[in-house]
Structures are given as C-alpha cells and as structure tokens.
N, C-alpha and C. Protein backbone atom coordinates (compact mmCIF):
# COMPACT_ATOMS: atom_id res chain seq x y z
N MET A 1 7.84 24.34 8.35
CA MET A 1 6.78 24.89 7.54
C MET A 1 6.51 23.67 6.67
N SER A 2 4.85 23.66 6.84
CA SER A 2 4.17 22.00 6.46
C SER A 2 4.43 22.43 4.76
N LYS A 3 4.91 21.07 3.91
CA LYS A 3 4.25 21.95 2.69
C LYS A 3 3.07 21.57 2.05
N ASP A 4 2.43 21.98 1.39
CA ASP A 4 1.60 22.44 0.46
C ASP A 4 0.91 20.47 -0.24
N PHE A 5 -0.71 21.18 -0.56
CA PHE A 5 -0.85 19.70 -0.92
C PHE A 5 -0.41 19.21 -2.41
N ILE A 6 -0.18 19.94 -2.93
CA ILE A 6 0.27 19.62 -4.63
C ILE A 6 1.92 19.21 -4.77
N THR A 7 2.25 19.98 -3.78
CA THR A 7 3.75 20.17 -3.44
C THR A 7 3.90 18.44 -3.02
N ALA A 8 3.96 17.90 -1.97
CA ALA A 8 3.36 16.41 -1.10
C ALA A 8 3.14 16.16 -2.35
N THR A 9 2.63 16.50 -3.11
CA THR A 9 2.10 15.38 -3.99
C THR A 9 2.99 15.20 -5.08
N LYS A 10 3.95 16.23 -6.13
CA LYS A 10 4.97 15.88 -6.53
C LYS A 10 5.95 15.31 -5.87
N GLU A 11 5.98 15.14 -4.80
CA GLU A 11 7.18 14.56 -4.08
C GLU A 11 7.38 13.10 -3.69
N ARG A 12 5.11 12.52 -3.50
CA ARG A 12 5.48 11.74 -3.42
C ARG A 12 6.21 10.64 -4.70
N ARG A 13 6.94 9.12 -4.20
CA ARG A 13 7.86 9.22 -5.01
C ARG A 13 7.61 7.79 -5.20
N SER A 14 7.91 6.51 -6.17
CA SER A 14 8.70 5.12 -5.74
C SER A 14 10.22 5.17 -5.05
N ILE A 15 10.12 5.27 -3.86
CA ILE A 15 11.50 4.85 -3.51
C ILE A 15 11.27 3.19 -3.29
N TYR A 16 12.61 2.35 -3.80
CA TYR A 16 13.13 1.10 -3.63
C TYR A 16 14.43 1.31 -2.47
N GLY A 17 15.19 2.32 -2.65
CA GLY A 17 16.38 2.26 -1.65
C GLY A 17 15.47 2.45 -0.11
N ILE A 18 15.66 1.71 0.76
CA ILE A 18 14.90 2.10 2.09
C ILE A 18 15.81 1.56 3.39
N SER A 19 15.86 1.60 4.51
CA SER A 19 16.30 1.58 5.63
C SER A 19 15.61 1.36 6.94
N LYS A 20 16.06 0.44 7.88
CA LYS A 20 15.40 0.54 9.50
C LYS A 20 15.62 1.97 10.03
N GLU A 21 16.53 2.66 9.65
CA GLU A 21 16.90 3.35 10.43
C GLU A 21 15.79 4.46 10.92
N PHE A 22 15.75 4.48 11.97
CA PHE A 22 14.61 5.35 12.65
C PHE A 22 14.60 7.22 11.87
N VAL A 23 13.00 6.83 11.43
CA VAL A 23 12.95 8.50 11.26
C VAL A 23 11.96 8.55 12.13
N ALA A 24 10.34 8.55 12.59
CA ALA A 24 9.50 8.46 13.19
C ALA A 24 9.18 7.11 14.44
N SER A 25 9.14 8.03 15.72
CA SER A 25 8.20 6.84 16.86
C SER A 25 6.94 5.41 16.11
N ASP A 26 7.09 4.65 16.64
CA ASP A 26 6.23 3.35 15.43
C ASP A 26 4.51 4.29 16.42
N GLU A 27 4.74 5.40 17.15
CA GLU A 27 3.20 5.85 17.88
C GLU A 27 3.06 7.01 16.91
N ARG A 28 4.00 7.42 15.99
CA ARG A 28 3.96 8.67 15.21
C ARG A 28 3.55 7.61 13.74
N ILE A 29 4.14 6.77 13.50
CA ILE A 29 2.98 6.10 12.12
C ILE A 29 2.04 5.50 12.77
N GLU A 30 1.48 4.79 13.55
CA GLU A 30 0.33 4.41 14.12
C GLU A 30 -0.76 5.59 13.57
N GLU A 31 -0.26 6.95 14.13
CA GLU A 31 -1.77 8.22 13.82
C GLU A 31 -1.60 8.65 12.81
N ILE A 32 -0.57 8.50 11.60
CA ILE A 32 -0.36 8.76 10.55
C ILE A 32 -1.17 8.04 9.60
N VAL A 33 -0.97 6.33 9.94
CA VAL A 33 -2.00 5.33 8.99
C VAL A 33 -3.29 5.67 9.90
N GLY A 34 -3.83 5.66 11.20
CA GLY A 34 -4.78 5.86 11.49
C GLY A 34 -5.61 7.30 11.26
N ASP A 35 -4.95 8.26 10.87
CA ASP A 35 -5.44 9.42 10.41
C ASP A 35 -6.35 9.01 8.38
N ALA A 36 -5.44 8.58 8.26
CA ALA A 36 -5.65 8.24 6.56
C ALA A 36 -6.96 7.17 6.95
N VAL A 37 -7.36 6.22 7.49
CA VAL A 37 -8.04 5.33 7.56
C VAL A 37 -8.90 5.88 7.76
N LEU A 38 -9.20 6.68 8.82
CA LEU A 38 -10.37 8.24 9.36
C LEU A 38 -10.70 8.90 8.73
N HIS A 39 -9.93 9.37 7.69
CA HIS A 39 -10.67 10.29 6.39
C HIS A 39 -10.32 10.26 5.42
N THR A 40 -9.73 9.36 4.76
CA THR A 40 -9.60 9.33 3.72
C THR A 40 -11.63 8.85 2.58
N PRO A 41 -11.99 9.35 1.47
CA PRO A 41 -12.97 9.17 1.29
C PRO A 41 -13.18 7.35 0.46
N SER A 42 -14.66 7.77 1.26
CA SER A 42 -15.37 6.09 0.24
C SER A 42 -16.41 6.20 -0.63
N SER A 43 -16.86 5.17 -0.94
CA SER A 43 -17.80 5.18 -1.68
C SER A 43 -19.14 5.02 -0.76
N PHE A 44 -20.22 5.48 -0.66
CA PHE A 44 -21.72 5.18 -0.09
C PHE A 44 -21.13 5.63 1.94
N ASN A 45 -20.07 6.13 2.32
CA ASN A 45 -19.17 6.16 3.27
C ASN A 45 -19.19 4.69 3.83
N SER A 46 -18.45 4.11 2.75
CA SER A 46 -18.92 2.76 3.25
C SER A 46 -17.46 2.19 4.47
N GLN A 47 -16.32 2.60 4.16
CA GLN A 47 -15.29 2.57 4.72
C GLN A 47 -14.98 1.21 5.43
N SER A 48 -14.88 0.66 4.01
CA SER A 48 -14.43 -1.03 3.88
C SER A 48 -13.75 -1.14 3.49
N GLY A 49 -11.88 -0.05 4.10
CA GLY A 49 -11.10 -0.17 4.03
C GLY A 49 -10.14 -0.46 5.00
N ARG A 50 -9.42 -1.59 4.92
CA ARG A 50 -8.84 -2.06 6.55
C ARG A 50 -6.92 -2.19 6.20
N VAL A 51 -6.28 -1.83 7.17
CA VAL A 51 -5.09 -2.09 7.51
C VAL A 51 -4.19 -2.73 8.40
N VAL A 52 -3.08 -3.30 8.32
CA VAL A 52 -2.77 -3.57 8.88
C VAL A 52 -0.94 -2.73 9.06
N VAL A 53 -0.57 -2.59 9.74
CA VAL A 53 0.97 -2.23 9.90
C VAL A 53 1.77 -2.86 10.54
N LEU A 54 2.84 -3.51 9.49
CA LEU A 54 3.82 -4.33 10.28
C LEU A 54 5.49 -3.95 10.41
N LEU A 55 5.58 -4.13 11.77
CA LEU A 55 6.97 -3.40 12.32
C LEU A 55 7.40 -4.56 12.88
N ASN A 56 9.00 -3.84 12.46
CA ASN A 56 9.83 -4.70 13.36
C ASN A 56 10.07 -6.09 12.75
N GLU A 57 9.96 -7.22 13.30
CA GLU A 57 9.91 -8.88 13.07
C GLU A 57 9.56 -8.79 12.28
N GLN A 58 7.89 -8.23 12.06
CA GLN A 58 6.78 -8.80 11.34
C GLN A 58 7.18 -8.53 10.43
N HIS A 59 7.93 -6.94 10.11
CA HIS A 59 7.68 -6.61 8.66
C HIS A 59 8.58 -7.47 8.07
N ASP A 60 9.60 -8.15 8.81
CA ASP A 60 10.62 -8.69 8.05
C ASP A 60 9.85 -10.43 7.89
N LYS A 61 9.55 -10.81 8.69
CA LYS A 61 8.45 -12.08 8.74
C LYS A 61 7.60 -12.13 7.17
N LEU A 62 7.24 -10.87 7.03
CA LEU A 62 6.13 -10.45 5.72
C LEU A 62 7.04 -11.07 4.19
N TRP A 63 8.11 -10.47 4.19
CA TRP A 63 9.40 -10.36 3.55
C TRP A 63 9.53 -11.63 2.99
N ASP A 64 9.82 -12.62 4.38
CA ASP A 64 10.67 -13.36 4.28
C ASP A 64 9.29 -14.74 3.43
N ILE A 65 8.48 -14.20 4.11
CA ILE A 65 7.05 -15.29 3.89
C ILE A 65 7.15 -15.40 1.99
N THR A 66 6.64 -13.85 1.53
CA THR A 66 7.09 -13.11 0.19
C THR A 66 7.99 -14.53 -0.64
N LYS A 67 9.05 -14.20 0.01
CA LYS A 67 10.39 -14.45 -0.88
C LYS A 67 10.42 -16.33 -0.59
N GLU A 68 9.79 -17.05 0.75
CA GLU A 68 9.58 -18.40 -0.08
C GLU A 68 8.27 -18.90 -0.44
N THR A 69 7.59 -17.87 -0.61
CA THR A 69 6.70 -18.44 -1.74
C THR A 69 6.54 -18.06 -3.56
N LEU A 70 7.38 -16.69 -3.33
CA LEU A 70 7.63 -16.43 -4.85
C LEU A 70 9.01 -18.07 -5.16
N ARG A 71 9.53 -18.79 -4.39
CA ARG A 71 11.01 -19.76 -4.50
C ARG A 71 9.97 -20.36 -5.23
N GLN A 72 8.74 -21.05 -4.65
CA GLN A 72 8.30 -22.23 -5.49
C GLN A 72 8.00 -21.70 -6.76
N ILE A 73 7.91 -20.71 -7.44
CA ILE A 73 7.53 -20.63 -8.65
C ILE A 73 8.35 -20.57 -9.80
N VAL A 74 9.22 -19.12 -9.40
CA VAL A 74 10.34 -18.68 -10.19
C VAL A 74 11.47 -19.66 -9.85
N PRO A 75 11.74 -20.28 -11.69
CA PRO A 75 12.70 -21.19 -11.62
C PRO A 75 14.14 -20.93 -10.91
N ALA A 76 14.29 -21.77 -10.09
CA ALA A 76 15.44 -21.27 -9.34
C ALA A 76 17.14 -20.77 -10.21
N GLU A 77 17.01 -21.07 -11.58
CA GLU A 77 18.33 -20.43 -12.29
C GLU A 77 18.04 -18.57 -12.76
N ASN A 78 16.72 -18.42 -12.24
CA ASN A 78 16.77 -16.92 -12.60
C ASN A 78 15.84 -16.34 -11.20
N PHE A 79 16.15 -17.23 -9.80
CA PHE A 79 15.69 -16.55 -8.49
C PHE A 79 16.35 -15.34 -8.45
N ALA A 80 17.59 -15.06 -8.46
CA ALA A 80 18.40 -13.80 -7.69
C ALA A 80 18.01 -12.84 -7.74
N PRO A 81 17.57 -12.24 -8.69
CA PRO A 81 17.15 -10.60 -8.77
C PRO A 81 15.53 -10.69 -7.73
N THR A 82 15.18 -12.08 -7.65
CA THR A 82 13.75 -11.62 -7.13
C THR A 82 14.26 -11.54 -5.40
N GLU A 83 15.45 -12.69 -5.19
CA GLU A 83 15.60 -12.58 -3.66
C GLU A 83 16.21 -11.35 -3.58
N GLU A 84 17.05 -10.48 -4.39
CA GLU A 84 16.91 -8.99 -4.23
C GLU A 84 16.69 -8.35 -4.13
N LYS A 85 14.88 -8.25 -4.51
CA LYS A 85 13.88 -7.61 -4.49
C LYS A 85 13.51 -7.62 -3.11
N MET A 86 13.49 -9.15 -2.36
CA MET A 86 12.33 -9.58 -1.18
C MET A 86 13.53 -8.32 -0.36
N ALA A 87 14.85 -9.00 -0.34
CA ALA A 87 15.94 -8.01 0.90
C ALA A 87 15.62 -6.23 1.08
N ALA A 88 15.30 -6.32 -0.11
CA ALA A 88 15.33 -4.48 -0.56
C ALA A 88 14.14 -4.04 0.35
N PHE A 89 13.18 -5.14 0.05
CA PHE A 89 11.75 -4.08 0.99
C PHE A 89 11.77 -4.77 2.14
N ARG A 90 12.33 -5.91 2.58
CA ARG A 90 12.88 -6.30 3.56
C ARG A 90 13.59 -5.36 4.94
N SER A 91 15.00 -4.38 3.65
CA SER A 91 15.49 -3.61 4.64
C SER A 91 14.69 -2.75 5.09
N GLY A 92 14.15 -2.45 4.69
CA GLY A 92 13.11 -1.15 5.74
C GLY A 92 12.46 -1.08 6.88
N TYR A 93 11.61 -0.12 7.02
CA TYR A 93 11.30 -0.11 8.80
C TYR A 93 9.82 -0.62 8.75
N GLY A 94 9.18 -0.80 7.74
CA GLY A 94 7.75 -1.89 8.13
C GLY A 94 7.42 -1.62 6.80
N THR A 95 5.97 -2.49 6.62
CA THR A 95 4.90 -2.74 5.51
C THR A 95 3.13 -2.51 5.82
N VAL A 96 2.93 -1.44 5.13
CA VAL A 96 1.65 -0.92 4.98
C VAL A 96 0.63 -2.06 4.24
N LEU A 97 -0.16 -2.79 5.17
CA LEU A 97 -0.43 -3.79 4.33
C LEU A 97 -2.23 -3.31 4.16
N PHE A 98 -2.88 -3.34 2.53
CA PHE A 98 -4.07 -2.44 2.37
C PHE A 98 -4.99 -3.81 2.32
N PHE A 99 -6.12 -3.99 2.52
CA PHE A 99 -7.27 -4.93 2.42
C PHE A 99 -8.89 -4.25 1.97
N GLU A 100 -9.32 -4.92 1.96
CA GLU A 100 -10.64 -4.29 1.54
C GLU A 100 -11.95 -5.27 1.95
N ASP A 101 -12.55 -4.66 2.91
CA ASP A 101 -13.44 -6.02 3.75
C ASP A 101 -14.79 -6.19 2.76
N GLN A 102 -14.94 -7.79 1.97
CA GLN A 102 -15.15 -7.94 1.03
C GLN A 102 -17.09 -8.48 2.08
N ALA A 103 -17.30 -8.53 3.14
CA ALA A 103 -18.65 -8.31 3.89
C ALA A 103 -19.62 -6.88 3.73
N VAL A 104 -18.86 -5.95 3.94
CA VAL A 104 -18.95 -4.64 4.17
C VAL A 104 -19.65 -4.47 2.72
N ILE A 105 -18.45 -4.55 1.48
CA ILE A 105 -19.10 -4.98 0.02
C ILE A 105 -20.02 -5.47 -0.23
N GLN A 106 -20.34 -6.42 -0.26
CA GLN A 106 -21.44 -7.52 0.19
C GLN A 106 -22.68 -6.92 0.85
N GLY A 107 -22.44 -6.40 2.06
CA GLY A 107 -24.14 -5.99 2.60
C GLY A 107 -24.41 -4.53 1.89
N LEU A 108 -23.71 -3.79 0.88
CA LEU A 108 -24.09 -2.65 -0.07
C LEU A 108 -24.41 -3.63 -0.90
N GLN A 109 -23.86 -4.67 -1.31
CA GLN A 109 -24.62 -5.05 -2.75
C GLN A 109 -26.22 -5.57 -2.58
N GLU A 110 -26.23 -6.17 -1.44
CA GLU A 110 -27.27 -6.22 -0.69
C GLU A 110 -28.87 -5.44 -0.76
N GLN A 111 -27.84 -4.04 -0.26
CA GLN A 111 -28.51 -3.09 0.17
C GLN A 111 -29.11 -2.09 -0.82
N PHE A 112 -28.39 -2.11 -2.22
CA PHE A 112 -29.05 -1.25 -3.20
C PHE A 112 -28.40 -2.19 -4.45
N ALA A 113 -29.41 -2.75 -4.16
CA ALA A 113 -29.25 -4.07 -5.20
C ALA A 113 -29.30 -3.49 -7.43
N LEU A 114 -29.65 -2.30 -6.80
CA LEU A 114 -29.19 -1.26 -8.79
C LEU A 114 -27.88 -1.41 -8.43
N TYR A 115 -26.98 -0.80 -8.13
CA TYR A 115 -25.24 -1.05 -8.22
C TYR A 115 -24.57 -1.92 -7.99
N GLN A 116 -24.95 -2.87 -7.21
CA GLN A 116 -24.59 -4.47 -7.25
C GLN A 116 -22.79 -4.34 -8.14
N ASP A 117 -23.47 -4.43 -8.89
CA ASP A 117 -21.94 -4.48 -9.85
C ASP A 117 -20.70 -3.74 -9.19
N ARG A 118 -21.20 -2.24 -9.44
CA ARG A 118 -20.22 -1.44 -9.28
C ARG A 118 -19.39 -1.36 -7.42
N PHE A 119 -20.29 -1.93 -6.72
CA PHE A 119 -19.31 -1.97 -5.57
C PHE A 119 -18.26 -2.00 -4.97
N PRO A 120 -17.91 -3.58 -6.06
CA PRO A 120 -16.39 -4.29 -5.73
C PRO A 120 -15.73 -2.85 -6.61
N VAL A 121 -15.86 -2.44 -7.40
CA VAL A 121 -15.11 -1.54 -8.70
C VAL A 121 -15.10 -0.07 -7.47
N TRP A 122 -15.99 0.75 -6.92
CA TRP A 122 -15.85 1.47 -6.31
C TRP A 122 -14.78 1.31 -5.10
N SER A 123 -14.89 -0.62 -4.47
CA SER A 123 -14.22 -0.73 -3.26
C SER A 123 -12.53 -0.30 -3.46
N GLU A 124 -12.36 -0.64 -4.34
CA GLU A 124 -10.96 -0.41 -5.29
C GLU A 124 -10.72 1.13 -5.56
N HIS A 125 -11.56 1.65 -5.91
CA HIS A 125 -11.35 2.92 -5.78
C HIS A 125 -10.83 4.01 -4.22
N SER A 126 -11.59 3.26 -3.64
CA SER A 126 -11.34 3.79 -2.22
C SER A 126 -10.23 3.59 -1.20
N SER A 127 -9.89 1.95 -1.72
CA SER A 127 -8.73 1.44 -1.58
C SER A 127 -7.66 2.30 -2.27
N GLY A 128 -7.28 2.31 -3.45
CA GLY A 128 -6.89 3.63 -4.31
C GLY A 128 -6.30 4.84 -3.53
N MET A 129 -7.37 5.40 -3.33
CA MET A 129 -7.39 7.49 -2.21
C MET A 129 -6.64 6.86 -1.03
N LEU A 130 -7.01 5.41 -0.45
CA LEU A 130 -6.57 5.01 1.20
C LEU A 130 -4.68 5.06 0.58
N GLN A 131 -4.26 4.22 -0.42
CA GLN A 131 -3.06 4.21 -0.73
C GLN A 131 -1.37 5.55 -1.00
N PHE A 132 -2.89 6.06 -1.65
CA PHE A 132 -2.75 7.59 -1.89
C PHE A 132 -1.53 8.38 -0.71
N VAL A 133 -3.03 8.22 0.31
CA VAL A 133 -3.12 9.64 1.37
C VAL A 133 -1.61 8.71 2.60
N VAL A 134 -1.61 7.44 2.70
CA VAL A 134 -0.80 6.79 2.89
C VAL A 134 0.24 7.28 2.81
N TRP A 135 0.60 6.64 1.89
CA TRP A 135 1.96 6.98 1.35
C TRP A 135 2.85 8.64 1.10
N THR A 136 1.22 9.25 0.54
CA THR A 136 2.22 10.74 0.84
C THR A 136 2.46 11.44 2.35
N ALA A 137 1.50 10.76 3.35
CA ALA A 137 1.84 11.20 4.50
C ALA A 137 2.79 10.80 4.82
N LEU A 138 3.46 9.06 4.54
CA LEU A 138 4.95 8.77 4.96
C LEU A 138 5.57 9.34 4.65
N GLU A 139 5.67 10.00 3.16
CA GLU A 139 6.49 11.00 2.51
C GLU A 139 6.71 11.95 3.60
N LEU A 140 5.66 12.89 3.59
CA LEU A 140 5.74 14.56 4.33
C LEU A 140 6.66 13.47 5.84
N GLU A 141 6.80 12.53 6.26
CA GLU A 141 7.03 12.41 7.54
C GLU A 141 8.89 12.04 7.71
N GLY A 142 9.17 11.53 6.10
CA GLY A 142 10.26 11.93 6.02
C GLY A 142 10.50 9.92 5.37
N TYR A 143 9.91 9.74 5.17
CA TYR A 143 9.67 7.90 4.25
C TYR A 143 9.60 8.43 3.26
N GLY A 144 10.36 6.94 2.68
CA GLY A 144 10.12 6.36 1.01
C GLY A 144 9.27 5.13 1.62
N ALA A 145 8.94 4.72 0.17
CA ALA A 145 7.84 4.13 0.30
C ALA A 145 7.98 3.81 -1.21
N SER A 146 7.38 2.11 -1.70
CA SER A 146 6.74 1.83 -2.90
C SER A 146 5.50 0.91 -2.45
N LEU A 147 5.01 0.33 -3.84
CA LEU A 147 3.83 -0.30 -3.68
C LEU A 147 4.00 -1.41 -4.09
N GLN A 148 3.72 -2.32 -4.06
CA GLN A 148 3.74 -3.91 -4.34
C GLN A 148 2.46 -4.61 -4.64
N HIS A 149 2.31 -5.31 -4.87
CA HIS A 149 1.16 -6.53 -5.73
C HIS A 149 1.89 -7.95 -5.65
N TYR A 150 1.97 -8.13 -4.29
CA TYR A 150 1.72 -9.65 -4.57
C TYR A 150 1.14 -10.56 -3.96
N ASN A 151 0.01 -10.09 -4.15
CA ASN A 151 -1.07 -10.51 -3.79
C ASN A 151 -1.70 -11.04 -5.07
N PRO A 152 -2.82 -12.49 -5.25
CA PRO A 152 -2.99 -13.16 -4.66
C PRO A 152 -2.16 -14.36 -3.67
N LEU A 153 -0.81 -14.35 -4.25
CA LEU A 153 0.39 -15.64 -4.08
C LEU A 153 0.58 -15.75 -2.68
N ILE A 154 0.23 -14.28 -2.06
CA ILE A 154 0.24 -14.67 -0.13
C ILE A 154 -0.71 -14.07 0.66
N ASP A 155 -2.16 -14.34 -0.09
CA ASP A 155 -2.99 -13.79 1.06
C ASP A 155 -3.26 -14.99 1.78
N GLN A 156 -3.44 -16.26 1.74
CA GLN A 156 -3.25 -16.94 2.33
C GLN A 156 -3.14 -17.57 3.84
N GLN A 157 -1.60 -16.78 3.12
CA GLN A 157 -0.28 -17.39 4.91
C GLN A 157 -0.57 -16.07 5.49
N ILE A 158 -0.76 -14.59 4.55
CA ILE A 158 -1.17 -13.80 5.89
C ILE A 158 -2.55 -13.83 6.84
N SER A 159 -3.46 -14.24 5.93
CA SER A 159 -4.35 -14.07 6.42
C SER A 159 -3.99 -15.51 7.65
N SER A 160 -3.16 -16.04 7.76
CA SER A 160 -2.83 -17.16 8.80
C SER A 160 -2.11 -16.82 9.33
N GLU A 161 -1.14 -16.25 9.08
CA GLU A 161 0.13 -15.46 9.99
C GLU A 161 -0.47 -14.67 11.23
N TRP A 162 -1.50 -13.81 10.67
CA TRP A 162 -1.37 -12.40 11.33
C TRP A 162 -3.18 -13.22 11.96
N ASP A 163 -3.84 -14.38 11.37
CA ASP A 163 -5.06 -13.79 12.09
C ASP A 163 -6.26 -13.25 11.68
N LEU A 164 -5.91 -12.92 10.40
CA LEU A 164 -7.06 -11.72 9.95
C LEU A 164 -8.22 -12.07 9.74
N PRO A 165 -9.33 -11.49 9.52
CA PRO A 165 -10.59 -11.61 9.29
C PRO A 165 -10.73 -12.55 7.65
N THR A 166 -11.43 -13.36 7.15
CA THR A 166 -11.55 -14.09 6.06
C THR A 166 -11.72 -13.29 5.01
N THR A 167 -12.42 -12.59 5.18
CA THR A 167 -13.64 -12.35 4.61
C THR A 167 -12.49 -10.27 4.17
N TRP A 168 -11.65 -9.94 4.96
CA TRP A 168 -10.91 -9.25 4.00
C TRP A 168 -9.76 -9.44 3.14
N LYS A 169 -9.99 -9.08 2.13
CA LYS A 169 -9.21 -9.04 0.48
C LYS A 169 -7.83 -7.79 0.46
N LEU A 170 -7.24 -9.33 0.70
CA LEU A 170 -5.84 -8.13 0.12
C LEU A 170 -5.49 -7.37 -0.71
N ILE A 171 -5.15 -5.59 -1.13
CA ILE A 171 -5.30 -4.94 -1.92
C ILE A 171 -3.84 -4.81 -3.06
N ALA A 172 -2.77 -4.34 -1.94
CA ALA A 172 -1.04 -4.20 -2.00
C ALA A 172 -0.35 -4.36 -1.01
N GLN A 173 0.38 -4.12 -0.72
CA GLN A 173 1.62 -3.76 0.51
C GLN A 173 2.47 -2.73 -0.14
N MET A 174 2.50 -1.92 1.24
CA MET A 174 3.73 -0.69 1.13
C MET A 174 4.68 -1.07 1.84
N PRO A 175 5.89 -1.36 1.44
CA PRO A 175 7.10 -1.20 2.67
C PRO A 175 7.36 0.68 2.37
N PHE A 176 8.24 0.78 3.61
CA PHE A 176 8.77 2.03 3.61
C PHE A 176 9.75 1.78 4.58
N GLY A 177 11.04 3.49 4.62
CA GLY A 177 12.13 2.62 5.27
C GLY A 177 12.17 4.31 5.15
N LYS A 178 13.71 4.68 6.00
CA LYS A 178 14.42 5.84 5.72
C LYS A 178 15.08 5.69 3.88
N PRO A 179 14.87 6.92 3.19
CA PRO A 179 15.08 6.41 2.04
C PRO A 179 16.95 6.56 1.67
N THR A 180 17.45 5.74 0.91
CA THR A 180 18.74 5.51 1.04
C THR A 180 19.40 5.46 -0.44
N ALA A 181 18.43 5.87 -1.39
CA ALA A 181 18.62 6.57 -2.98
C ALA A 181 17.78 7.40 -3.18
N LEU A 182 18.23 8.29 -3.88
CA LEU A 182 16.98 9.08 -4.52
C LEU A 182 16.53 8.56 -6.13
N PRO A 183 14.75 8.87 -5.87
CA PRO A 183 14.22 8.24 -7.67
C PRO A 183 15.10 8.52 -9.01
N GLY A 184 14.60 7.64 -9.64
CA GLY A 184 15.35 8.74 -10.95
C GLY A 184 14.00 9.51 -11.46
N GLU A 185 14.52 10.41 -12.42
CA GLU A 185 13.76 11.68 -12.92
C GLU A 185 12.68 11.29 -13.59
N LYS A 186 11.53 11.66 -13.33
CA LYS A 186 10.03 10.93 -13.33
C LYS A 186 10.00 11.80 -15.29
N GLN A 187 9.12 10.76 -15.95
CA GLN A 187 9.24 11.26 -17.57
C GLN A 187 7.62 11.12 -17.74
N PHE A 188 6.97 12.52 -17.91
CA PHE A 188 5.54 12.81 -18.07
C PHE A 188 5.22 12.71 -19.33
N ALA A 189 4.14 11.87 -19.67
CA ALA A 189 3.41 11.62 -21.38
C ALA A 189 2.77 13.71 -21.46
N PRO A 190 2.88 13.73 -22.45
CA PRO A 190 2.48 15.05 -22.62
C PRO A 190 1.09 15.85 -21.90
N LEU A 191 0.88 16.82 -21.52
CA LEU A 191 -0.47 16.96 -20.92
C LEU A 191 -1.39 17.20 -21.12
N GLU A 192 -1.15 17.87 -22.27
CA GLU A 192 -1.85 18.46 -23.80
C GLU A 192 -2.60 16.95 -23.96
N ASP A 193 -2.24 15.77 -24.09
CA ASP A 193 -2.86 14.83 -24.22
C ASP A 193 -3.78 14.13 -23.29
N ARG A 194 -3.32 14.62 -22.14
CA ARG A 194 -4.02 13.35 -21.00
C ARG A 194 -4.93 14.91 -20.14
N LEU A 195 -5.36 16.09 -20.76
CA LEU A 195 -6.29 16.82 -19.98
C LEU A 195 -6.87 17.72 -20.66
N LYS A 196 -7.55 18.01 -20.59
CA LYS A 196 -8.59 18.88 -21.53
C LYS A 196 -9.71 19.91 -20.64
N VAL A 197 -9.82 20.84 -20.71
CA VAL A 197 -10.21 22.25 -20.14
C VAL A 197 -11.27 22.70 -21.30
N ILE A 198 -12.78 22.39 -21.03
CA ILE A 198 -13.97 23.03 -21.95
C ILE A 198 -14.71 23.98 -21.01
N LYS A 199 -14.80 24.88 -21.80
CA LYS A 199 -15.26 26.32 -21.39
C LYS A 199 -16.35 26.71 -21.48
C-alpha cells in the first residue's frame, strides 16, 4: 500500500548512514527523478531546474573531487572529520545534483522587468521544491538521503568534469543509498509559535 503524502513527508529525514546496496534499478531512479523534474512547480512556469544524477564510479568521483577540494582549505590537523564525512557520502549509491539555469532566469528578467529582482529568489524557491520532491520520492522508494551544499567550492570542477553548460548554477547535492542507520529523534519548536490560523 502506498503512503499518503503527509506520512511520506513525516518520514523523509536526513539519513547519513547509507550504502551501495541495491534498492531499485537505475532505470527506476531515472524515472523518479524525471517525474520530479517534470511535475515540480516553478514561478512563471520557468522550468529552470536542472538535475544531474551521478551513479556508480561517477558518484564516487564527485565525493573524491569534493574531498580533495576541501583538503586545500581545511588544515591537515583538522581534516580527519571532513574525510570521514566525504567517505560516508561516497559510500552511498548515487548523488543527485541540483542546478538552476541562469539563462532562463535572465530571460525572464528581461521579459518581465518589473519583477527582475525577484526571479533569482523565486528560482531558489522552485529548486527547494524540486529538492523536496526528489528527496521524498527517494524515501518512498526505500532510499535514505541528505542534502549537502559544497557549492560554490566545487562548481567549476563539476562543470568541467561532466561538461555542463556554464549557465547551470549548482544549488545542492543529495547523496542517497540504502539506509544503514536510523536518524535520531527529531526535535520540534512549538507549533503555536510557528502556525497561526485566522478565522
């Protein structure tokens, strides 16, 4: 039986313990992400979201690149925790890279000058929705995932390594795999401080 939307939303968590163990076929992963890209809303129907799914050795390569980039920044005596974190992401099955196409955004700014300062913000909103849809859909399929932000440190290397358009701006990275550890109990701020219903 499929889960309802709210249940799926509740069960989507940041999962850091992941493995390469089989959960679903590569074709199924492509279908899930493709459906998310097609059906996630965007302002002015801009459809500015761009996604790259890295699997197998391409996924491993991403986290090797990220590790070596961070090695140039983090002092050697403090690098061990960073290296462990990169190894944990690398141990997963794949990574979803989220981008926003700046050419689309700039085109909208030119077409609708009145809102030109808002389109970059709305683009981030659309990307956030796309990230949530992909994340929740992967959870429903049996994967664990987390959302990472090593941009802009790795932007140029990623663009070069996978020959991506220069107008694609990296927003986030989502490593995923079969969960090997459960998340801790989630803490919630009081709902009455965060929700108002006015009748």
